[in-house]
PDB file of N, CA and C in Angstrom:
ATOM      1  N   MET A   1      29.029  14.262   3.419  1.00  0.00           N
ATOM      2  CA  MET A   1      27.624  13.902   4.108  1.00  0.00           C
ATOM      3  C   MET A   1      27.346  14.871   4.898  1.00  0.00           C
ATOM      4  N   ASN A   2      26.244  15.210   4.684  1.00  0.00           N
ATOM      5  CA  ASN A   2      25.386  16.200   5.417  1.00  0.00           C
ATOM      6  C   ASN A   2      24.768  15.794   6.430  1.00  0.00           C
ATOM      7  N   LEU A   3      24.723  16.736   7.623  1.00  0.00           N
ATOM      8  CA  LEU A   3      24.192  16.330   8.957  1.00  0.00           C
ATOM      9  C   LEU A   3      22.457  16.162   8.675  1.00  0.00           C
ATOM     10  N   ILE A   4      21.575  14.870   8.719  1.00  0.00           N
ATOM     11  CA  ILE A   4      20.471  14.851   8.240  1.00  0.00           C
ATOM     12  C   ILE A   4      19.244  14.584   9.191  1.00  0.00           C
ATOM     13  N   VAL A   5      18.425  15.272   9.582  1.00  0.00           N
ATOM     14  CA  VAL A   5      17.379  14.865  10.490  1.00  0.00           C
ATOM     15  C   VAL A   5      16.125  14.251   9.829  1.00  0.00           C
ATOM     16  N   TYR A   6      16.124  12.944  10.640  1.00  0.00           N
ATOM     17  CA  TYR A   6      14.422  12.401   9.999  1.00  0.00           C
ATOM     18  C   TYR A   6      13.612  12.479  10.855  1.00  0.00           C
ATOM     19  N   GLY A   7      12.268  12.775  10.464  1.00  0.00           N
ATOM     20  CA  GLY A   7      11.469  12.358  11.335  1.00  0.00           C
ATOM     21  C   GLY A   7      10.222  12.975  10.905  1.00  0.00           C
ATOM     22  N   ILE A   8       9.460  13.558  11.868  1.00  0.00           N
ATOM     23  CA  ILE A   8       7.953  13.823  11.728  1.00  0.00           C
ATOM     24  C   ILE A   8       7.966  15.592  12.426  1.00  0.00           C
ATOM     25  N   PRO A   9       7.587  16.544  11.783  1.00  0.00           N
ATOM     26  CA  PRO A   9       7.930  17.666  12.407  1.00  0.00           C
ATOM     27  C   PRO A   9       7.266  17.982  13.605  1.00  0.00           C
ATOM     28  N   ASN A  10       6.076  17.449  14.018  1.00  0.00           N
ATOM     29  CA  ASN A  10       5.210  17.663  15.395  1.00  0.00           C
ATOM     30  C   ASN A  10       5.667  16.761  16.228  1.00  0.00           C
ATOM     31  N   CYS A  11       6.526  15.863  15.928  1.00  0.00           N
ATOM     32  CA  CYS A  11       7.063  14.949  17.224  1.00  0.00           C
ATOM     33  C   CYS A  11       8.107  15.461  17.972  1.00  0.00           C
ATOM     34  N   ASP A  12       7.636  15.798  19.579  1.00  0.00           N
ATOM     35  CA  ASP A  12       8.235  16.379  20.730  1.00  0.00           C
ATOM     36  C   ASP A  12      10.124  16.332  20.412  1.00  0.00           C
ATOM     37  N   SER A  13      10.429  14.697  20.266  1.00  0.00           N
ATOM     38  CA  SER A  13      11.568  14.495  20.136  1.00  0.00           C
ATOM     39  C   SER A  13      12.326  15.000  19.112  1.00  0.00           C
ATOM     40  N   VAL A  14      11.632  15.213  18.066  1.00  0.00           N
ATOM     41  CA  VAL A  14      12.577  16.034  16.605  1.00  0.00           C
ATOM     42  C   VAL A  14      12.525  17.418  16.796  1.00  0.00           C
ATOM     43  N   LYS A  15      11.174  17.693  17.585  1.00  0.00           N
ATOM     44  CA  LYS A  15      11.586  19.043  18.040  1.00  0.00           C
ATOM     45  C   LYS A  15      12.501  19.708  18.909  1.00  0.00           C
ATOM     46  N   LYS A  16      12.959  18.702  19.687  1.00  0.00           N
ATOM     47  CA  LYS A  16      13.768  18.943  20.764  1.00  0.00           C
ATOM     48  C   LYS A  16      15.211  18.877  20.106  1.00  0.00           C
ATOM     49  N   ALA A  17      15.597  17.840  19.011  1.00  0.00           N
ATOM     50  CA  ALA A  17      16.632  17.358  18.336  1.00  0.00           C
ATOM     51  C   ALA A  17      17.251  18.913  17.428  1.00  0.00           C
ATOM     52  N   ARG A  18      15.717  19.075  16.680  1.00  0.00           N
ATOM     53  CA  ARG A  18      16.193  20.227  15.863  1.00  0.00           C
ATOM     54  C   ARG A  18      16.521  21.639  16.686  1.00  0.00           C
ATOM     55  N   THR A  19      15.916  21.726  17.685  1.00  0.00           N
ATOM     56  CA  THR A  19      16.161  23.067  18.770  1.00  0.00           C
ATOM     57  C   THR A  19      17.448  22.670  19.231  1.00  0.00           C
ATOM     58  N   TRP A  20      18.180  22.071  19.606  1.00  0.00           N
ATOM     59  CA  TRP A  20      19.550  21.415  20.473  1.00  0.00           C
ATOM     60  C   TRP A  20      20.568  21.581  18.904  1.00  0.00           C
ATOM     61  N   LEU A  21      20.167  21.274  18.088  1.00  0.00           N
ATOM     62  CA  LEU A  21      21.416  21.653  17.152  1.00  0.00           C
ATOM     63  C   LEU A  21      21.382  22.716  16.364  1.00  0.00           C
ATOM     64  N   ALA A  22      20.515  23.225  16.335  1.00  0.00           N
ATOM     65  CA  ALA A  22      20.510  24.591  15.878  1.00  0.00           C
ATOM     66  C   ALA A  22      21.388  25.509  17.188  1.00  0.00           C
ATOM     67  N   SER A  23      20.892  25.451  18.341  1.00  0.00           N
ATOM     68  CA  SER A  23      21.273  26.193  19.497  1.00  0.00           C
ATOM     69  C   SER A  23      23.085  25.861  19.273  1.00  0.00           C
ATOM     70  N   GLN A  24      23.503  24.711  18.701  1.00  0.00           N
ATOM     71  CA  GLN A  24      24.754  24.188  18.786  1.00  0.00           C
ATOM     72  C   GLN A  24      25.848  24.795  17.414  1.00  0.00           C
ATOM     73  N   ASP A  25      24.711  25.683  16.793  1.00  0.00           N
ATOM     74  CA  ASP A  25      25.255  26.132  15.265  1.00  0.00           C
ATOM     75  C   ASP A  25      25.648  25.093  14.294  1.00  0.00           C
ATOM     76  N   LEU A  26      24.710  23.858  14.546  1.00  0.00           N
ATOM     77  CA  LEU A  26      25.153  22.848  13.560  1.00  0.00           C
ATOM     78  C   LEU A  26      24.139  22.917  12.574  1.00  0.00           C
ATOM     79  N   ASP A  27      24.657  23.013  11.067  1.00  0.00           N
ATOM     80  CA  ASP A  27      23.741  22.913   9.905  1.00  0.00           C
ATOM     81  C   ASP A  27      22.987  21.483   9.698  1.00  0.00           C
ATOM     82  N   PHE A  28      21.891  21.367   9.309  1.00  0.00           N
ATOM     83  CA  PHE A  28      21.541  20.186   9.322  1.00  0.00           C
ATOM     84  C   PHE A  28      20.094  20.195   8.274  1.00  0.00           C
ATOM     85  N   THR A  29      19.697  19.219   7.705  1.00  0.00           N
ATOM     86  CA  THR A  29      18.727  19.119   6.857  1.00  0.00           C
ATOM     87  C   THR A  29      17.706  18.198   7.485  1.00  0.00           C
ATOM     88  N   PHE A  30      16.520  18.685   7.408  1.00  0.00           N
ATOM     89  CA  PHE A  30      15.256  17.902   7.643  1.00  0.00           C
ATOM     90  C   PHE A  30      14.601  17.154   6.636  1.00  0.00           C
ATOM     91  N   HIS A  31      14.454  15.962   7.026  1.00  0.00           N
ATOM     92  CA  HIS A  31      13.746  14.943   6.113  1.00  0.00           C
ATOM     93  C   HIS A  31      12.161  14.456   6.876  1.00  0.00           C
ATOM     94  N   ASP A  32      11.415  15.055   6.409  1.00  0.00           N
ATOM     95  CA  ASP A  32      10.101  14.959   6.844  1.00  0.00           C
ATOM     96  C   ASP A  32       9.466  13.701   6.224  1.00  0.00           C
ATOM     97  N   PHE A  33       9.138  12.586   6.820  1.00  0.00           N
ATOM     98  CA  PHE A  33       8.652  11.556   6.967  1.00  0.00           C
ATOM     99  C   PHE A  33       7.259  11.563   6.006  1.00  0.00           C
ATOM    100  N   LYS A  34       6.547  12.615   6.537  1.00  0.00           N
ATOM    101  CA  LYS A  34       5.126  13.004   6.018  1.00  0.00           C
ATOM    102  C   LYS A  34       5.087  13.089   4.785  1.00  0.00           C
ATOM    103  N   LYS A  35       5.708  14.275   4.393  1.00  0.00           N
ATOM    104  CA  LYS A  35       5.886  15.079   2.863  1.00  0.00           C
ATOM    105  C   LYS A  35       6.770  14.118   2.294  1.00  0.00           C
ATOM    106  N   GLN A  36       8.024  13.341   2.238  1.00  0.00           N
ATOM    107  CA  GLN A  36       8.879  13.260   1.909  1.00  0.00           C
ATOM    108  C   GLN A  36       9.234  11.816   1.577  1.00  0.00           C
ATOM    109  N   GLY A  37       8.276  10.818   2.753  1.00  0.00           N
ATOM    110  CA  GLY A  37       8.455   9.408   2.818  1.00  0.00           C
ATOM    111  C   GLY A  37       9.436   9.021   3.469  1.00  0.00           C
ATOM    112  N   VAL A  38       9.707   7.621   3.799  1.00  0.00           N
ATOM    113  CA  VAL A  38      10.939   7.165   4.514  1.00  0.00           C
ATOM    114  C   VAL A  38      11.786   6.531   2.928  1.00  0.00           C
ATOM    115  N   PRO A  39      13.121   6.872   2.995  1.00  0.00           N
ATOM    116  CA  PRO A  39      13.835   6.736   2.167  1.00  0.00           C
ATOM    117  C   PRO A  39      14.299   4.806   2.182  1.00  0.00           C
ATOM    118  N   PRO A  40      14.169   4.196   1.060  1.00  0.00           N
ATOM    119  CA  PRO A  40      14.283   2.682   1.462  1.00  0.00           C
ATOM    120  C   PRO A  40      15.991   2.515   1.470  1.00  0.00           C
ATOM    121  N   THR A  41      16.558   3.345   0.813  1.00  0.00           N
ATOM    122  CA  THR A  41      17.892   3.097   0.891  1.00  0.00           C
ATOM    123  C   THR A  41      18.404   3.314   2.034  1.00  0.00           C
ATOM    124  N   GLU A  42      18.062   4.505   2.706  1.00  0.00           N
ATOM    125  CA  GLU A  42      18.397   5.215   4.071  1.00  0.00           C
ATOM    126  C   GLU A  42      18.069   3.882   5.183  1.00  0.00           C
ATOM    127  N   ILE A  43      16.920   3.217   5.027  1.00  0.00           N
ATOM    128  CA  ILE A  43      16.483   2.713   6.393  1.00  0.00           C
ATOM    129  C   ILE A  43      17.191   1.307   6.327  1.00  0.00           C
ATOM    130  N   ASP A  44      17.687   0.979   5.382  1.00  0.00           N
ATOM    131  CA  ASP A  44      18.714  -0.123   5.113  1.00  0.00           C
ATOM    132  C   ASP A  44      19.998   0.266   5.834  1.00  0.00           C
ATOM    133  N   LYS A  45      20.472   1.321   5.933  1.00  0.00           N
ATOM    134  CA  LYS A  45      21.515   1.878   6.312  1.00  0.00           C
ATOM    135  C   LYS A  45      21.552   1.806   7.950  1.00  0.00           C
ATOM    136  N   TRP A  46      20.280   2.316   8.287  1.00  0.00           N
ATOM    137  CA  TRP A  46      19.875   2.626   9.888  1.00  0.00           C
ATOM    138  C   TRP A  46      19.846   1.260  10.358  1.00  0.00           C
ATOM    139  N   LEU A  47      19.442   0.335   9.733  1.00  0.00           N
ATOM    140  CA  LEU A  47      18.979  -1.262  10.142  1.00  0.00           C
ATOM    141  C   LEU A  47      20.378  -1.768  10.150  1.00  0.00           C
ATOM    142  N   ASP A  48      21.247  -1.608   9.608  1.00  0.00           N
ATOM    143  CA  ASP A  48      22.477  -2.172   9.392  1.00  0.00           C
ATOM    144  C   ASP A  48      23.469  -1.568  10.831  1.00  0.00           C
ATOM    145  N   ALA A  49      23.542  -0.429  10.964  1.00  0.00           N
ATOM    146  CA  ALA A  49      23.787   0.178  11.567  1.00  0.00           C
ATOM    147  C   ALA A  49      23.164   0.060  13.411  1.00  0.00           C
ATOM    148  N   LEU A  50      22.162   0.320  13.417  1.00  0.00           N
ATOM    149  CA  LEU A  50      21.566   0.436  15.038  1.00  0.00           C
ATOM    150  C   LEU A  50      20.385  -0.990  15.232  1.00  0.00           C
ATOM    151  N   GLY A  51      20.358  -1.764  14.348  1.00  0.00           N
ATOM    152  CA  GLY A  51      19.665  -3.004  14.417  1.00  0.00           C
ATOM    153  C   GLY A  51      17.933  -2.643  14.287  1.00  0.00           C
ATOM    154  N   TRP A  52      17.325  -3.480  13.744  1.00  0.00           N
ATOM    155  CA  TRP A  52      15.931  -3.241  13.638  1.00  0.00           C
ATOM    156  C   TRP A  52      15.219  -3.053  15.036  1.00  0.00           C
ATOM    157  N   GLU A  53      15.653  -3.763  16.101  1.00  0.00           N
ATOM    158  CA  GLU A  53      15.092  -3.353  17.273  1.00  0.00           C
ATOM    159  C   GLU A  53      15.205  -1.945  18.142  1.00  0.00           C
ATOM    160  N   THR A  54      16.102  -1.423  17.491  1.00  0.00           N
ATOM    161  CA  THR A  54      16.319  -0.205  17.796  1.00  0.00           C
ATOM    162  C   THR A  54      15.214   0.550  17.215  1.00  0.00           C
ATOM    163  N   VAL A  55      15.353   0.648  15.790  1.00  0.00           N
ATOM    164  CA  VAL A  55      14.843   1.797  15.152  1.00  0.00           C
ATOM    165  C   VAL A  55      13.232   1.705  15.068  1.00  0.00           C
ATOM    166  N   LEU A  56      12.644   0.227  15.457  1.00  0.00           N
ATOM    167  CA  LEU A  56      11.488   0.085  15.519  1.00  0.00           C
ATOM    168  C   LEU A  56      10.664   0.760  16.747  1.00  0.00           C
ATOM    169  N   ASN A  57       9.776   1.563  16.525  1.00  0.00           N
ATOM    170  CA  ASN A  57       9.111   2.084  17.805  1.00  0.00           C
ATOM    171  C   ASN A  57       7.850   1.269  18.579  1.00  0.00           C
ATOM    172  N   ARG A  58       8.153   0.567  19.083  1.00  0.00           N
ATOM    173  CA  ARG A  58       6.752  -0.379  19.750  1.00  0.00           C
ATOM    174  C   ARG A  58       6.269   0.324  20.840  1.00  0.00           C
ATOM    175  N   LYS A  59       6.728   1.332  21.443  1.00  0.00           N
ATOM    176  CA  LYS A  59       5.794   1.982  22.200  1.00  0.00           C
ATOM    177  C   LYS A  59       4.944   2.871  22.002  1.00  0.00           C
ATOM    178  N   GLY A  60       4.892   3.666  20.750  1.00  0.00           N
ATOM    179  CA  GLY A  60       3.942   4.618  20.168  1.00  0.00           C
ATOM    180  C   GLY A  60       2.452   4.293  19.851  1.00  0.00           C
ATOM    181  N   SER A  61       1.839   5.213  19.549  1.00  0.00           N
ATOM    182  CA  SER A  61       0.528   5.191  19.645  1.00  0.00           C
ATOM    183  C   SER A  61       0.131   4.080  17.827  1.00  0.00           C
ATOM    184  N   THR A  62       0.934   4.555  16.898  1.00  0.00           N
ATOM    185  CA  THR A  62       0.916   4.013  15.890  1.00  0.00           C
ATOM    186  C   THR A  62       1.185   2.476  15.972  1.00  0.00           C
ATOM    187  N   TRP A  63       2.092   2.068  16.570  1.00  0.00           N
ATOM    188  CA  TRP A  63       2.226   0.594  16.814  1.00  0.00           C
ATOM    189  C   TRP A  63       1.477  -0.129  17.559  1.00  0.00           C
ATOM    190  N   ARG A  64       0.894   0.464  18.833  1.00  0.00           N
ATOM    191  CA  ARG A  64      -0.623   0.103  19.443  1.00  0.00           C
ATOM    192  C   ARG A  64      -1.690   0.025  18.830  1.00  0.00           C
ATOM    193  N   LYS A  65      -1.668   0.656  17.405  1.00  0.00           N
ATOM    194  CA  LYS A  65      -3.278   0.712  16.890  1.00  0.00           C
ATOM    195  C   LYS A  65      -2.894  -0.304  15.720  1.00  0.00           C
ATOM    196  N   LEU A  66      -2.135  -0.904  15.320  1.00  0.00           N
ATOM    197  CA  LEU A  66      -1.787  -1.922  14.288  1.00  0.00           C
ATOM    198  C   LEU A  66      -2.522  -3.377  14.802  1.00  0.00           C
ATOM    199  N   ASP A  67      -3.092  -3.708  13.763  1.00  0.00           N
ATOM    200  CA  ASP A  67      -3.681  -4.820  14.536  1.00  0.00           C
ATOM    201  C   ASP A  67      -2.744  -6.004  14.707  1.00  0.00           C
ATOM    202  N   PRO A  68      -3.095  -6.687  15.792  1.00  0.00           N
ATOM    203  CA  PRO A  68      -2.457  -7.820  16.770  1.00  0.00           C
ATOM    204  C   PRO A  68      -1.616  -8.331  15.744  1.00  0.00           C
ATOM    205  N   ALA A  69      -2.189  -9.135  14.558  1.00  0.00           N
ATOM    206  CA  ALA A  69      -1.644 -10.026  13.737  1.00  0.00           C
ATOM    207  C   ALA A  69      -0.237  -9.218  12.888  1.00  0.00           C
ATOM    208  N   VAL A  70      -0.525  -7.914  12.586  1.00  0.00           N
ATOM    209  CA  VAL A  70       0.633  -7.301  11.987  1.00  0.00           C
ATOM    210  C   VAL A  70       1.682  -7.027  12.956  1.00  0.00           C
ATOM    211  N   GLN A  71       1.568  -6.868  14.235  1.00  0.00           N
ATOM    212  CA  GLN A  71       2.400  -6.884  15.431  1.00  0.00           C
ATOM    213  C   GLN A  71       3.278  -7.914  15.648  1.00  0.00           C
ATOM    214  N   ALA A  72       2.225  -8.912  15.716  1.00  0.00           N
ATOM    215  CA  ALA A  72       3.001 -10.401  15.960  1.00  0.00           C
ATOM    216  C   ALA A  72       3.932 -10.744  14.714  1.00  0.00           C
ATOM    217  N   GLY A  73       3.689 -10.520  13.626  1.00  0.00           N
ATOM    218  CA  GLY A  73       4.436 -10.726  12.264  1.00  0.00           C
ATOM    219  C   GLY A  73       5.862 -10.096  12.178  1.00  0.00           C
ATOM    220  N   VAL A  74       6.141  -9.535  12.993  1.00  0.00           N
ATOM    221  CA  VAL A  74       7.220  -8.513  12.935  1.00  0.00           C
ATOM    222  C   VAL A  74       7.866  -9.393  13.790  1.00  0.00           C
ATOM    223  N   THR A  75       9.114 -10.044  13.167  1.00  0.00           N
ATOM    224  CA  THR A  75      10.049 -11.190  14.002  1.00  0.00           C
ATOM    225  C   THR A  75      11.502 -11.060  13.495  1.00  0.00           C
ATOM    226  N   ASP A  76      11.431 -10.039  12.653  1.00  0.00           N
ATOM    227  CA  ASP A  76      12.881  -9.902  11.825  1.00  0.00           C
ATOM    228  C   ASP A  76      12.808  -8.644  11.219  1.00  0.00           C
ATOM    229  N   ARG A  77      14.104  -8.309  10.525  1.00  0.00           N
ATOM    230  CA  ARG A  77      14.803  -7.215  10.177  1.00  0.00           C
ATOM    231  C   ARG A  77      13.616  -7.063   8.619  1.00  0.00           C
ATOM    232  N   VAL A  78      13.657  -7.998   7.611  1.00  0.00           N
ATOM    233  CA  VAL A  78      12.579  -7.714   6.642  1.00  0.00           C
ATOM    234  C   VAL A  78      11.369  -7.528   7.235  1.00  0.00           C
ATOM    235  N   SER A  79      10.624  -8.333   8.065  1.00  0.00           N
ATOM    236  CA  SER A  79       9.133  -7.695   8.673  1.00  0.00           C
ATOM    237  C   SER A  79       9.214  -6.656   9.276  1.00  0.00           C
ATOM    238  N   ALA A  80      10.100  -5.938  10.211  1.00  0.00           N
ATOM    239  CA  ALA A  80      10.031  -5.200  10.585  1.00  0.00           C
ATOM    240  C   ALA A  80      10.353  -3.577   9.557  1.00  0.00           C
ATOM    241  N   LYS A  81      10.934  -4.034   8.506  1.00  0.00           N
ATOM    242  CA  LYS A  81      11.495  -2.839   7.370  1.00  0.00           C
ATOM    243  C   LYS A  81      10.072  -2.711   6.687  1.00  0.00           C
ATOM    244  N   ALA A  82       9.274  -3.648   6.450  1.00  0.00           N
ATOM    245  CA  ALA A  82       8.096  -3.337   5.586  1.00  0.00           C
ATOM    246  C   ALA A  82       7.328  -3.061   6.329  1.00  0.00           C
ATOM    247  N   VAL A  83       7.009  -3.187   7.915  1.00  0.00           N
ATOM    248  CA  VAL A  83       6.258  -2.443   9.020  1.00  0.00           C
ATOM    249  C   VAL A  83       6.879  -0.594   8.397  1.00  0.00           C
ATOM    250  N   MET A  84       7.636  -0.806   8.854  1.00  0.00           N
ATOM    251  CA  MET A  84       7.918   0.744   8.970  1.00  0.00           C
ATOM    252  C   MET A  84       7.872   1.485   7.669  1.00  0.00           C
ATOM    253  N   LEU A  85       8.094   1.116   6.456  1.00  0.00           N
ATOM    254  CA  LEU A  85       7.771   1.586   5.324  1.00  0.00           C
ATOM    255  C   LEU A  85       6.524   1.910   4.808  1.00  0.00           C
ATOM    256  N   GLU A  86       5.491   0.958   5.318  1.00  0.00           N
ATOM    257  CA  GLU A  86       4.014   1.414   5.509  1.00  0.00           C
ATOM    258  C   GLU A  86       3.583   2.027   6.274  1.00  0.00           C
ATOM    259  N   HIS A  87       4.265   2.367   7.409  1.00  0.00           N
ATOM    260  CA  HIS A  87       3.790   3.008   8.729  1.00  0.00           C
ATOM    261  C   HIS A  87       5.160   3.779   9.445  1.00  0.00           C
ATOM    262  N   ALA A  88       5.538   4.836   8.575  1.00  0.00           N
ATOM    263  CA  ALA A  88       6.524   5.877   8.935  1.00  0.00           C
ATOM    264  C   ALA A  88       6.411   6.338  10.452  1.00  0.00           C
ATOM    265  N   SER A  89       5.274   6.385  11.296  1.00  0.00           N
ATOM    266  CA  SER A  89       5.303   6.866  12.691  1.00  0.00           C
ATOM    267  C   SER A  89       5.685   5.400  13.277  1.00  0.00           C
ATOM    268  N   THR A  90       5.907   4.202  12.566  1.00  0.00           N
ATOM    269  CA  THR A  90       6.323   3.248  13.546  1.00  0.00           C
ATOM    270  C   THR A  90       8.148   3.335  13.675  1.00  0.00           C
ATOM    271  N   ILE A  91       8.605   4.305  13.029  1.00  0.00           N
ATOM    272  CA  ILE A  91      10.262   4.290  13.305  1.00  0.00           C
ATOM    273  C   ILE A  91      10.578   5.618  14.453  1.00  0.00           C
ATOM    274  N   LYS A  92      11.448   5.059  15.238  1.00  0.00           N
ATOM    275  CA  LYS A  92      11.651   5.883  16.441  1.00  0.00           C
ATOM    276  C   LYS A  92      12.442   7.144  16.164  1.00  0.00           C
ATOM    277  N   ARG A  93      11.907   8.266  16.540  1.00  0.00           N
ATOM    278  CA  ARG A  93      12.693   9.374  16.003  1.00  0.00           C
ATOM    279  C   ARG A  93      13.256  10.348  17.227  1.00  0.00           C
ATOM    280  N   PRO A  94      14.057  11.152  16.408  1.00  0.00           N
ATOM    281  CA  PRO A  94      14.388  11.383  15.059  1.00  0.00           C
ATOM    282  C   PRO A  94      15.491  10.422  14.815  1.00  0.00           C
ATOM    283  N   VAL A  95      16.058   9.959  13.701  1.00  0.00           N
ATOM    284  CA  VAL A  95      17.017   9.340  13.203  1.00  0.00           C
ATOM    285  C   VAL A  95      17.991  10.172  12.623  1.00  0.00           C
ATOM    286  N   ILE A  96      18.861  10.522  13.252  1.00  0.00           N
ATOM    287  CA  ILE A  96      19.931  11.558  12.843  1.00  0.00           C
ATOM    288  C   ILE A  96      21.195  10.760  12.021  1.00  0.00           C
ATOM    289  N   ALA A  97      21.330  11.301  11.044  1.00  0.00           N
ATOM    290  CA  ALA A  97      22.640  10.780   9.883  1.00  0.00           C
ATOM    291  C   ALA A  97      23.737  11.856  10.142  1.00  0.00           C
ATOM    292  N   TRP A  98      24.788  11.363  10.794  1.00  0.00           N
ATOM    293  CA  TRP A  98      25.930  12.247  10.817  1.00  0.00           C
ATOM    294  C   TRP A  98      27.020  12.417   9.751  1.00  0.00           C
ATOM    295  N   PRO A  99      27.339  13.277   9.939  1.00  0.00           N
ATOM    296  CA  PRO A  99      28.449  13.596   8.762  1.00  0.00           C
ATOM    297  C   PRO A  99      29.712  12.190   8.754  1.00  0.00           C
ATOM    298  N   SER A 100      29.678  11.884   9.675  1.00  0.00           N
ATOM    299  CA  SER A 100      30.838  10.763   9.961  1.00  0.00           C
ATOM    300  C   SER A 100      30.469   9.377   9.423  1.00  0.00           C
ATOM    301  N   GLY A 101      28.979   9.216   9.194  1.00  0.00           N
ATOM    302  CA  GLY A 101      28.596   8.206   8.362  1.00  0.00           C
ATOM    303  C   GLY A 101      27.655   7.445   9.739  1.00  0.00           C
ATOM    304  N   GLN A 102      27.952   7.835  11.062  1.00  0.00           N
ATOM    305  CA  GLN A 102      27.454   6.996  12.038  1.00  0.00           C
ATOM    306  C   GLN A 102      25.559   7.673  12.232  1.00  0.00           C
ATOM    307  N   PHE A 103      24.975   6.735  12.767  1.00  0.00           N
ATOM    308  CA  PHE A 103      23.165   6.913  13.126  1.00  0.00           C
ATOM    309  C   PHE A 103      22.913   7.071  14.443  1.00  0.00           C
ATOM    310  N   SER A 104      22.089   7.753  14.802  1.00  0.00           N
ATOM    311  CA  SER A 104      21.418   7.493  16.126  1.00  0.00           C
ATOM    312  C   SER A 104      20.062   8.037  16.079  1.00  0.00           C
ATOM    313  N   VAL A 105      19.088   7.311  17.172  1.00  0.00           N
ATOM    314  CA  VAL A 105      17.708   7.615  17.203  1.00  0.00           C
ATOM    315  C   VAL A 105      17.512   7.999  18.414  1.00  0.00           C
ATOM    316  N   GLY A 106      16.758   9.105  18.387  1.00  0.00           N
ATOM    317  CA  GLY A 106      15.921   9.615  19.427  1.00  0.00           C
ATOM    318  C   GLY A 106      16.933  10.843  19.937  1.00  0.00           C
ATOM    319  N   PHE A 107      16.275  11.215  20.904  1.00  0.00           N
ATOM    320  CA  PHE A 107      16.851  12.606  21.455  1.00  0.00           C
ATOM    321  C   PHE A 107      17.790  12.345  22.879  1.00  0.00           C
ATOM    322  N   SER A 108      19.355  12.424  22.710  1.00  0.00           N
ATOM    323  CA  SER A 108      19.842  11.975  23.648  1.00  0.00           C
ATOM    324  C   SER A 108      21.367  13.002  23.285  1.00  0.00           C
ATOM    325  N   PRO A 109      21.305  13.926  23.387  1.00  0.00           N
ATOM    326  CA  PRO A 109      23.031  14.600  23.003  1.00  0.00           C
ATOM    327  C   PRO A 109      23.960  14.440  23.634  1.00  0.00           C
ATOM    328  N   ASP A 110      23.880  13.830  25.043  1.00  0.00           N
ATOM    329  CA  ASP A 110      25.093  13.034  25.646  1.00  0.00           C
ATOM    330  C   ASP A 110      25.524  11.998  25.266  1.00  0.00           C
ATOM    331  N   SER A 111      24.609  11.116  24.192  1.00  0.00           N
ATOM    332  CA  SER A 111      25.234  10.185  23.876  1.00  0.00           C
ATOM    333  C   SER A 111      25.613  10.252  22.282  1.00  0.00           C
ATOM    334  N   TRP A 112      25.087  11.540  21.590  1.00  0.00           N
ATOM    335  CA  TRP A 112      25.756  11.729  19.885  1.00  0.00           C
ATOM    336  C   TRP A 112      27.063  11.849  19.636  1.00  0.00           C
ATOM    337  N   PRO A 113      27.483  11.363  18.510  1.00  0.00           N
ATOM    338  CA  PRO A 113      28.905  11.367  18.355  1.00  0.00           C
ATOM    339  C   PRO A 113      29.466  12.742  18.479  1.00  0.00           C
ATOM    340  N   LEU A 114      30.819  12.800  19.101  1.00  0.00           N
ATOM    341  CA  LEU A 114      31.939  13.820  19.553  1.00  0.00           C
ATOM    342  C   LEU A 114      31.507  15.169  18.358  1.00  0.00           C
ATOM    343  N   GLU A 115      31.447  14.901  17.307  1.00  0.00           N
ATOM    344  CA  GLU A 115      31.564  16.086  16.076  1.00  0.00           C
ATOM    345  C   GLU A 115      30.209  17.096  16.719  1.00  0.00           C
ATOM    346  N   SER A 116      29.280  16.174  17.115  1.00  0.00           N
ATOM    347  CA  SER A 116      28.094  17.121  17.179  1.00  0.00           C
ATOM    348  C   SER A 116      27.669  17.957  18.385  1.00  0.00           C
ATOM    349  N   ARG A 117      29.231  18.067  19.276  1.00  0.00           N
ATOM    350  CA  ARG A 117      28.777  19.028  20.283  1.00  0.00           C
ATOM    351  C   ARG A 117      30.222  20.159  20.026  1.00  0.00           C
TER     352      ARG A 117
END
C-alpha cells in the first residue's frame, strides 16, 4: 500500500501535510477531492478506522453553509457518509492512508504512525 494524501490542494492543512511529508523524503500520492472525487470504498475504510464523528468536519464553512435540516439529519455513519460524498469539503483534511493500513485525519505529525518519521 502506498502513502496517499486525500484532500483539496488549496486547504492549508493539506498544504502543511504535503510540505511536511516531502521534507521527510516520504513518497506519497495526492488524491484531489475536487478533481478525482471522494472514493466511496475508501471513505468506508476511514469511517471504520476513525469513526464518522472524526472524519466529518463540522467546523468548516461548507458545513456551516448546509441547510440546517441537512445538518440535523446527520446522526449516524450512513447519514454522515451521504453528506461527505455529496459535499467533499465536509471531510476533515487531510485524510492520510499510511502504508501500514492505518489512517489519520488532519495535520498532526506528532501523532502520525512511526513509519512516517
